Amino acid sequence: MRRWPRFTVFRARFLPHPRPRALRRAAGRLRTYLRRAPGTFVWLTVLLVTSVIMHRFTPAVLTHVLQHRSTNIHNLVHSPVRVLLTSALWLDGGGWPLYFVVYNLVHVPAERWLGTGRWLAVLATAHIGATYLSEAALALAIRTGAAPRSAVNTLDVGVSYALAGVIAVLTYRLAAPWSYVYVLGVLVFHGAPLLTGRTFTDIGHLASVLIGLACYPLVRGRPDPAPPPRPAQALHDAV
């Protein structure tokens, strides 16, 4: 009969196995990561549920459901609070995994930096303000004959206005000169479509960026901007 070395027997009986310890450590880090941005992950969970529901609907039923939650002119006149809230709980274009990545890159650092309350204030201001500005532009187009009257029921749901506003406010998290490069890129990315398409959603995206930049008073009292990285130090840290 084969006999196990004494140390092996002792370790198997009395010492904790390294794998469960590593799993517990990883689970603890994951819980810490989630707790530092609770609002983002609650929102992602709701979007996951509604995304699963969307894939179970037929196209006709899905259009009817989204139309009832759309922030179009008709709904903003009759039930503004309901549609402003519910429109941000459904995705319009792109799959949930893509938004999971984007939310971790944008909303997670913003919520950690600003705190959940100020983060909610920024995204709500951008979402509501850009919605009304874009729909006002569409209403003007309808009145002048540039858009058909049926456009009052145009489908408009999604989280892109809130996302653009938070992307813009992250400008103040960076130190110069990186903040100037960052904000220029954000303005070009969201403003370039106005040179070609000029749809009401293009107006809304640029408006949400400007609203996010106007939320500077909300970032007062937060930690100082991150210092610009030094190439030599960044290479040393990477190594």
C-alpha atoms as a PDB file:
ATOM      1  CA  MET A   1       0.000   0.000   0.000  1.00  0.00           C
ATOM      2  CA  ARG A   2       1.300   3.449  -0.935  1.00  0.00           C
ATOM      3  CA  ARG A   3       1.920   5.776   1.998  1.00  0.00           C
ATOM      4  CA  TRP A   4       1.524   9.556   1.685  1.00  0.00           C
ATOM      5  CA  PRO A   5       4.300  11.810   2.964  1.00  0.00           C
ATOM      6  CA  ARG A   6       3.600  13.171   6.420  1.00  0.00           C
ATOM      7  CA  PHE A   7       3.524  16.805   5.283  1.00  0.00           C
ATOM      8  CA  THR A   8       0.993  16.014   2.554  1.00  0.00           C
ATOM      9  CA  VAL A   9      -1.301  14.314   5.027  1.00  0.00           C
ATOM     10  CA  PHE A  10      -0.906  17.182   7.505  1.00  0.00           C
ATOM     11  CA  ARG A  11      -1.664  19.796   4.832  1.00  0.00           C
ATOM     12  CA  ALA A  12      -4.713  17.918   3.578  1.00  0.00           C
ATOM     13  CA  ARG A  13      -6.132  17.709   7.110  1.00  0.00           C
ATOM     14  CA  PHE A  14      -5.239  21.005   8.730  1.00  0.00           C
ATOM     15  CA  LEU A  15      -4.203  23.614   6.152  1.00  0.00           C
ATOM     16  CA  PRO A  16      -6.792  25.412   3.982  1.00  0.00           C
ATOM     17  CA  HIS A  17      -6.755  24.509   0.333  1.00  0.00           C
ATOM     18  CA  PRO A  18      -5.305  27.340  -1.795  1.00  0.00           C
ATOM     19  CA  ARG A  19      -8.060  27.237  -4.407  1.00  0.00           C
ATOM     20  CA  PRO A  20     -11.018  28.002  -2.079  1.00  0.00           C
ATOM     21  CA  ARG A  21      -8.946  30.778  -0.526  1.00  0.00           C
ATOM     22  CA  ALA A  22      -8.293  32.295  -3.950  1.00  0.00           C
ATOM     23  CA  LEU A  23     -11.971  32.015  -4.834  1.00  0.00           C
ATOM     24  CA  ARG A  24     -12.979  33.730  -1.600  1.00  0.00           C
ATOM     25  CA  ARG A  25     -10.457  36.475  -2.273  1.00  0.00           C
ATOM     26  CA  ALA A  26     -11.784  36.961  -5.811  1.00  0.00           C
ATOM     27  CA  ALA A  27     -15.379  36.997  -4.557  1.00  0.00           C
ATOM     28  CA  GLY A  28     -14.468  39.615  -1.971  1.00  0.00           C
ATOM     29  CA  ARG A  29     -12.889  41.824  -4.618  1.00  0.00           C
ATOM     30  CA  LEU A  30     -15.950  41.433  -6.819  1.00  0.00           C
ATOM     31  CA  ARG A  31     -18.279  42.442  -3.978  1.00  0.00           C
ATOM     32  CA  THR A  32     -16.126  45.484  -3.260  1.00  0.00           C
ATOM     33  CA  TYR A  33     -16.166  46.426  -6.953  1.00  0.00           C
ATOM     34  CA  LEU A  34     -19.958  46.168  -7.113  1.00  0.00           C
ATOM     35  CA  ARG A  35     -20.544  48.057  -3.847  1.00  0.00           C
ATOM     36  CA  ARG A  36     -18.522  51.040  -5.017  1.00  0.00           C
ATOM     37  CA  ALA A  37     -20.933  51.680  -7.921  1.00  0.00           C
ATOM     38  CA  PRO A  38     -24.323  50.314  -6.810  1.00  0.00           C
ATOM     39  CA  GLY A  39     -26.415  52.520  -9.064  1.00  0.00           C
ATOM     40  CA  THR A  40     -24.592  51.440 -12.214  1.00  0.00           C
ATOM     41  CA  PHE A  41     -25.027  47.742 -11.552  1.00  0.00           C
ATOM     42  CA  VAL A  42     -28.674  48.048 -10.516  1.00  0.00           C
ATOM     43  CA  TRP A  43     -29.282  49.881 -13.800  1.00  0.00           C
ATOM     44  CA  LEU A  44     -27.374  47.221 -15.747  1.00  0.00           C
ATOM     45  CA  THR A  45     -29.458  44.512 -14.082  1.00  0.00           C
ATOM     46  CA  VAL A  46     -32.695  46.227 -15.117  1.00  0.00           C
ATOM     47  CA  LEU A  47     -31.384  46.639 -18.672  1.00  0.00           C
ATOM     48  CA  LEU A  48     -30.495  42.947 -18.754  1.00  0.00           C
ATOM     49  CA  VAL A  49     -34.035  41.998 -17.744  1.00  0.00           C
ATOM     50  CA  THR A  50     -35.653  44.308 -20.309  1.00  0.00           C
ATOM     51  CA  SER A  51     -33.222  43.096 -22.992  1.00  0.00           C
ATOM     52  CA  VAL A  52     -34.266  39.487 -22.366  1.00  0.00           C
ATOM     53  CA  ILE A  53     -37.914  40.569 -22.550  1.00  0.00           C
ATOM     54  CA  MET A  54     -37.287  42.396 -25.844  1.00  0.00           C
ATOM     55  CA  HIS A  55     -35.943  39.224 -27.465  1.00  0.00           C
ATOM     56  CA  ARG A  56     -39.105  37.333 -26.509  1.00  0.00           C
ATOM     57  CA  PHE A  57     -41.454  39.812 -28.199  1.00  0.00           C
ATOM     58  CA  THR A  58     -42.493  39.727 -31.810  1.00  0.00           C
ATOM     59  CA  PRO A  59     -41.489  42.849 -33.786  1.00  0.00           C
ATOM     60  CA  ALA A  60     -45.054  44.180 -33.730  1.00  0.00           C
ATOM     61  CA  VAL A  61     -45.451  43.695 -29.976  1.00  0.00           C
ATOM     62  CA  LEU A  62     -42.002  45.149 -29.303  1.00  0.00           C
ATOM     63  CA  THR A  63     -42.804  48.276 -31.313  1.00  0.00           C
ATOM     64  CA  HIS A  64     -46.030  48.723 -29.355  1.00  0.00           C
ATOM     65  CA  VAL A  65     -44.251  48.292 -25.995  1.00  0.00           C
ATOM     66  CA  LEU A  66     -41.448  50.705 -26.861  1.00  0.00           C
ATOM     67  CA  GLN A  67     -43.868  53.208 -28.366  1.00  0.00           C
ATOM     68  CA  HIS A  68     -45.695  53.340 -25.025  1.00  0.00           C
ATOM     69  CA  ARG A  69     -42.362  54.163 -23.319  1.00  0.00           C
ATOM     70  CA  SER A  70     -40.992  56.509 -25.970  1.00  0.00           C
ATOM     71  CA  THR A  71     -40.101  60.095 -25.096  1.00  0.00           C
ATOM     72  CA  ASN A  72     -41.768  61.438 -28.217  1.00  0.00           C
ATOM     73  CA  ILE A  73     -43.714  64.666 -28.349  1.00  0.00           C
ATOM     74  CA  HIS A  74     -47.091  62.995 -27.781  1.00  0.00           C
ATOM     75  CA  ASN A  75     -45.979  61.108 -24.664  1.00  0.00           C
ATOM     76  CA  LEU A  76     -44.062  64.072 -23.237  1.00  0.00           C
ATOM     77  CA  VAL A  77     -47.249  66.120 -23.398  1.00  0.00           C
ATOM     78  CA  HIS A  78     -49.514  63.525 -21.778  1.00  0.00           C
ATOM     79  CA  SER A  79     -47.265  61.535 -19.382  1.00  0.00           C
ATOM     80  CA  PRO A  80     -43.802  63.096 -19.179  1.00  0.00           C
ATOM     81  CA  VAL A  81     -42.664  61.624 -15.839  1.00  0.00           C
ATOM     82  CA  ARG A  82     -43.545  58.068 -16.804  1.00  0.00           C
ATOM     83  CA  VAL A  83     -41.830  58.068 -20.186  1.00  0.00           C
ATOM     84  CA  LEU A  84     -38.743  59.953 -18.993  1.00  0.00           C
ATOM     85  CA  LEU A  85     -38.185  57.197 -16.435  1.00  0.00           C
ATOM     86  CA  THR A  86     -39.174  54.129 -18.434  1.00  0.00           C
ATOM     87  CA  SER A  87     -37.414  55.182 -21.650  1.00  0.00           C
ATOM     88  CA  ALA A  88     -34.062  54.888 -19.834  1.00  0.00           C
ATOM     89  CA  LEU A  89     -34.778  51.252 -18.934  1.00  0.00           C
ATOM     90  CA  TRP A  90     -34.768  49.923 -22.497  1.00  0.00           C
ATOM     91  CA  LEU A  91     -31.965  49.650 -25.040  1.00  0.00           C
ATOM     92  CA  ASP A  92     -32.310  50.907 -28.586  1.00  0.00           C
ATOM     93  CA  GLY A  93     -29.553  49.406 -30.699  1.00  0.00           C
ATOM     94  CA  GLY A  94     -26.544  47.415 -29.549  1.00  0.00           C
ATOM     95  CA  GLY A  95     -26.614  44.373 -27.319  1.00  0.00           C
ATOM     96  CA  TRP A  96     -26.490  44.299 -23.542  1.00  0.00           C
ATOM     97  CA  PRO A  97     -22.888  42.945 -23.423  1.00  0.00           C
ATOM     98  CA  LEU A  98     -21.711  46.061 -25.267  1.00  0.00           C
ATOM     99  CA  TYR A  99     -23.425  48.307 -22.739  1.00  0.00           C
ATOM    100  CA  PHE A 100     -21.974  46.226 -19.907  1.00  0.00           C
ATOM    101  CA  VAL A 101     -18.485  47.082 -21.148  1.00  0.00           C
ATOM    102  CA  VAL A 102     -19.321  50.751 -21.768  1.00  0.00           C
ATOM    103  CA  TYR A 103     -20.979  51.169 -18.355  1.00  0.00           C
ATOM    104  CA  ASN A 104     -17.905  49.750 -16.636  1.00  0.00           C
ATOM    105  CA  LEU A 105     -15.695  52.159 -18.574  1.00  0.00           C
ATOM    106  CA  VAL A 106     -17.866  55.257 -18.066  1.00  0.00           C
ATOM    107  CA  HIS A 107     -20.509  55.000 -15.343  1.00  0.00           C
ATOM    108  CA  VAL A 108     -18.485  52.995 -12.816  1.00  0.00           C
ATOM    109  CA  PRO A 109     -15.586  55.489 -12.559  1.00  0.00           C
ATOM    110  CA  ALA A 110     -18.022  58.418 -12.661  1.00  0.00           C
ATOM    111  CA  GLU A 111     -20.175  57.034  -9.835  1.00  0.00           C
ATOM    112  CA  ARG A 112     -17.112  56.237  -7.727  1.00  0.00           C
ATOM    113  CA  TRP A 113     -15.753  59.735  -8.236  1.00  0.00           C
ATOM    114  CA  LEU A 114     -18.965  61.747  -7.847  1.00  0.00           C
ATOM    115  CA  GLY A 115     -20.861  59.512  -5.464  1.00  0.00           C
ATOM    116  CA  THR A 116     -24.164  57.903  -6.373  1.00  0.00           C
ATOM    117  CA  GLY A 117     -26.261  61.010  -5.679  1.00  0.00           C
ATOM    118  CA  ARG A 118     -24.284  63.428  -7.854  1.00  0.00           C
ATOM    119  CA  TRP A 119     -23.827  60.791 -10.544  1.00  0.00           C
ATOM    120  CA  LEU A 120     -27.610  60.339 -10.686  1.00  0.00           C
ATOM    121  CA  ALA A 121     -28.057  64.118 -10.842  1.00  0.00           C
ATOM    122  CA  VAL A 122     -25.712  64.403 -13.837  1.00  0.00           C
ATOM    123  CA  LEU A 123     -27.238  61.578 -15.845  1.00  0.00           C
ATOM    124  CA  ALA A 124     -30.816  62.635 -15.034  1.00  0.00           C
ATOM    125  CA  THR A 125     -30.106  66.248 -16.025  1.00  0.00           C
ATOM    126  CA  ALA A 126     -28.508  65.136 -19.286  1.00  0.00           C
ATOM    127  CA  HIS A 127     -31.272  62.641 -20.067  1.00  0.00           C
ATOM    128  CA  ILE A 128     -34.153  65.021 -19.343  1.00  0.00           C
ATOM    129  CA  GLY A 129     -32.565  68.166 -20.749  1.00  0.00           C
ATOM    130  CA  ALA A 130     -31.391  66.570 -23.997  1.00  0.00           C
ATOM    131  CA  THR A 131     -34.753  64.869 -24.459  1.00  0.00           C
ATOM    132  CA  TYR A 132     -36.679  68.124 -24.246  1.00  0.00           C
ATOM    133  CA  LEU A 133     -34.201  70.041 -26.414  1.00  0.00           C
ATOM    134  CA  SER A 134     -34.208  67.399 -29.143  1.00  0.00           C
ATOM    135  CA  GLU A 135     -37.992  67.053 -29.112  1.00  0.00           C
ATOM    136  CA  ALA A 136     -38.341  70.849 -29.202  1.00  0.00           C
ATOM    137  CA  ALA A 137     -36.162  70.888 -32.317  1.00  0.00           C
ATOM    138  CA  LEU A 138     -38.371  68.174 -33.821  1.00  0.00           C
ATOM    139  CA  ALA A 139     -41.533  70.123 -32.937  1.00  0.00           C
ATOM    140  CA  LEU A 140     -40.080  73.188 -34.670  1.00  0.00           C
ATOM    141  CA  ALA A 141     -39.319  71.089 -37.741  1.00  0.00           C
ATOM    142  CA  ILE A 142     -42.920  69.826 -37.772  1.00  0.00           C
ATOM    143  CA  ARG A 143     -44.285  73.351 -37.458  1.00  0.00           C
ATOM    144  CA  THR A 144     -42.139  74.658 -40.325  1.00  0.00           C
ATOM    145  CA  GLY A 145     -42.972  71.681 -42.524  1.00  0.00           C
ATOM    146  CA  ALA A 146     -39.464  70.209 -42.469  1.00  0.00           C
ATOM    147  CA  ALA A 147     -40.804  67.053 -40.779  1.00  0.00           C
ATOM    148  CA  PRO A 148     -44.163  65.280 -41.163  1.00  0.00           C
ATOM    149  CA  ARG A 149     -46.840  65.658 -38.492  1.00  0.00           C
ATOM    150  CA  SER A 150     -46.619  61.924 -37.781  1.00  0.00           C
ATOM    151  CA  ALA A 151     -43.182  62.583 -36.236  1.00  0.00           C
ATOM    152  CA  VAL A 152     -44.927  63.449 -32.956  1.00  0.00           C
ATOM    153  CA  ASN A 153     -45.022  59.664 -32.384  1.00  0.00           C
ATOM    154  CA  THR A 154     -41.390  59.022 -33.338  1.00  0.00           C
ATOM    155  CA  LEU A 155     -39.845  56.169 -31.343  1.00  0.00           C
ATOM    156  CA  ASP A 156     -37.228  57.481 -28.906  1.00  0.00           C
ATOM    157  CA  VAL A 157     -35.968  55.212 -26.128  1.00  0.00           C
ATOM    158  CA  GLY A 158     -32.524  54.373 -24.796  1.00  0.00           C
ATOM    159  CA  VAL A 159     -29.747  55.440 -22.470  1.00  0.00           C
ATOM    160  CA  SER A 160     -27.472  57.307 -24.868  1.00  0.00           C
ATOM    161  CA  TYR A 161     -28.307  60.844 -23.663  1.00  0.00           C
ATOM    162  CA  ALA A 162     -27.468  59.998 -20.069  1.00  0.00           C
ATOM    163  CA  LEU A 163     -24.334  58.180 -21.194  1.00  0.00           C
ATOM    164  CA  ALA A 164     -23.122  61.148 -23.254  1.00  0.00           C
ATOM    165  CA  GLY A 165     -23.693  63.517 -20.345  1.00  0.00           C
ATOM    166  CA  VAL A 166     -21.631  61.378 -17.972  1.00  0.00           C
ATOM    167  CA  ILE A 167     -18.889  60.989 -20.593  1.00  0.00           C
ATOM    168  CA  ALA A 168     -18.711  64.776 -20.793  1.00  0.00           C
ATOM    169  CA  VAL A 169     -18.575  65.377 -17.037  1.00  0.00           C
ATOM    170  CA  LEU A 170     -15.603  63.018 -16.757  1.00  0.00           C
ATOM    171  CA  THR A 171     -13.621  65.810 -18.431  1.00  0.00           C
ATOM    172  CA  TYR A 172     -13.233  67.365 -14.992  1.00  0.00           C
ATOM    173  CA  ARG A 173     -11.681  64.178 -13.648  1.00  0.00           C
ATOM    174  CA  LEU A 174      -8.629  64.686 -15.863  1.00  0.00           C
ATOM    175  CA  ALA A 175      -5.839  67.192 -15.459  1.00  0.00           C
ATOM    176  CA  ALA A 176      -4.558  69.427 -18.250  1.00  0.00           C
ATOM    177  CA  PRO A 177      -3.517  68.911 -20.986  1.00  0.00           C
ATOM    178  CA  TRP A 178      -5.325  65.565 -21.161  1.00  0.00           C
ATOM    179  CA  SER A 179      -8.674  67.119 -20.259  1.00  0.00           C
ATOM    180  CA  TYR A 180      -8.464  69.423 -23.317  1.00  0.00           C
ATOM    181  CA  VAL A 181      -7.710  66.521 -25.634  1.00  0.00           C
ATOM    182  CA  TYR A 182     -10.503  64.471 -24.084  1.00  0.00           C
ATOM    183  CA  VAL A 183     -13.213  67.129 -24.300  1.00  0.00           C
ATOM    184  CA  LEU A 184     -12.234  67.981 -27.873  1.00  0.00           C
ATOM    185  CA  GLY A 185     -12.603  64.336 -28.856  1.00  0.00           C
ATOM    186  CA  VAL A 186     -15.997  64.108 -27.121  1.00  0.00           C
ATOM    187  CA  LEU A 187     -17.278  67.254 -28.865  1.00  0.00           C
ATOM    188  CA  VAL A 188     -16.063  66.103 -32.284  1.00  0.00           C
ATOM    189  CA  PHE A 189     -17.505  62.614 -31.857  1.00  0.00           C
ATOM    190  CA  HIS A 190     -20.963  63.862 -30.856  1.00  0.00           C
ATOM    191  CA  GLY A 191     -20.999  66.999 -33.004  1.00  0.00           C
ATOM    192  CA  ALA A 192     -19.809  65.556 -36.322  1.00  0.00           C
ATOM    193  CA  PRO A 193     -23.167  63.826 -37.121  1.00  0.00           C
ATOM    194  CA  LEU A 194     -24.837  67.261 -37.166  1.00  0.00           C
ATOM    195  CA  LEU A 195     -22.794  68.125 -40.245  1.00  0.00           C
ATOM    196  CA  THR A 196     -24.356  65.275 -42.221  1.00  0.00           C
ATOM    197  CA  GLY A 197     -27.539  63.897 -40.676  1.00  0.00           C
ATOM    198  CA  ARG A 198     -28.985  66.606 -38.432  1.00  0.00           C
ATOM    199  CA  THR A 199     -31.585  64.293 -36.911  1.00  0.00           C
ATOM    200  CA  PHE A 200     -33.242  65.148 -33.629  1.00  0.00           C
ATOM    201  CA  THR A 201     -31.218  62.424 -31.890  1.00  0.00           C
ATOM    202  CA  ASP A 202     -27.985  63.999 -33.156  1.00  0.00           C
ATOM    203  CA  ILE A 203     -29.129  67.259 -31.590  1.00  0.00           C
ATOM    204  CA  GLY A 204     -29.927  65.396 -28.385  1.00  0.00           C
ATOM    205  CA  HIS A 205     -26.502  63.788 -28.153  1.00  0.00           C
ATOM    206  CA  LEU A 206     -24.647  67.070 -28.583  1.00  0.00           C
ATOM    207  CA  ALA A 207     -27.026  68.750 -26.145  1.00  0.00           C
ATOM    208  CA  SER A 208     -26.378  66.047 -23.548  1.00  0.00           C
ATOM    209  CA  VAL A 209     -22.624  66.595 -23.881  1.00  0.00           C
ATOM    210  CA  LEU A 210     -23.040  70.346 -23.347  1.00  0.00           C
ATOM    211  CA  ILE A 211     -25.311  69.687 -20.370  1.00  0.00           C
ATOM    212  CA  GLY A 212     -22.741  67.319 -18.909  1.00  0.00           C
ATOM    213  CA  LEU A 213     -20.063  69.989 -19.236  1.00  0.00           C
ATOM    214  CA  ALA A 214     -22.426  72.485 -17.591  1.00  0.00           C
ATOM    215  CA  CYS A 215     -22.658  70.190 -14.547  1.00  0.00           C
ATOM    216  CA  TYR A 216     -19.311  71.493 -13.302  1.00  0.00           C
ATOM    217  CA  PRO A 217     -20.855  72.821 -10.035  1.00  0.00           C
ATOM    218  CA  LEU A 218     -21.706  69.228  -9.116  1.00  0.00           C
ATOM    219  CA  VAL A 219     -18.058  68.147  -9.252  1.00  0.00           C
ATOM    220  CA  ARG A 220     -16.888  70.765  -6.745  1.00  0.00           C
ATOM    221  CA  GLY A 221     -15.607  69.168  -3.592  1.00  0.00           C
ATOM    222  CA  ARG A 222     -14.701  65.948  -5.318  1.00  0.00           C
ATOM    223  CA  PRO A 223     -11.091  64.633  -5.384  1.00  0.00           C
ATOM    224  CA  ASP A 224      -8.584  66.627  -7.403  1.00  0.00           C
ATOM    225  CA  PRO A 225      -8.170  65.721 -11.082  1.00  0.00           C
ATOM    226  CA  ALA A 226      -5.921  62.784 -11.817  1.00  0.00           C
ATOM    227  CA  PRO A 227      -2.403  63.999 -12.669  1.00  0.00           C
ATOM    228  CA  PRO A 228      -1.279  63.444 -16.253  1.00  0.00           C
ATOM    229  CA  PRO A 229       0.641  60.167 -16.549  1.00  0.00           C
ATOM    230  CA  ARG A 230       4.344  60.271 -17.232  1.00  0.00           C
ATOM    231  CA  PRO A 231       5.435  57.863 -19.982  1.00  0.00           C
ATOM    232  CA  ALA A 232       8.466  56.610 -18.053  1.00  0.00           C
ATOM    233  CA  GLN A 233       6.419  56.031 -14.892  1.00  0.00           C
ATOM    234  CA  ALA A 234       3.619  54.353 -16.862  1.00  0.00           C
ATOM    235  CA  LEU A 235       6.131  51.987 -18.476  1.00  0.00           C
ATOM    236  CA  HIS A 236       7.688  51.252 -15.080  1.00  0.00           C
ATOM    237  CA  ASP A 237       4.259  50.505 -13.565  1.00  0.00           C
ATOM    238  CA  ALA A 238       3.347  48.261 -16.482  1.00  0.00           C
ATOM    239  CA  VAL A 239       6.561  46.281 -16.101  1.00  0.00           C
END
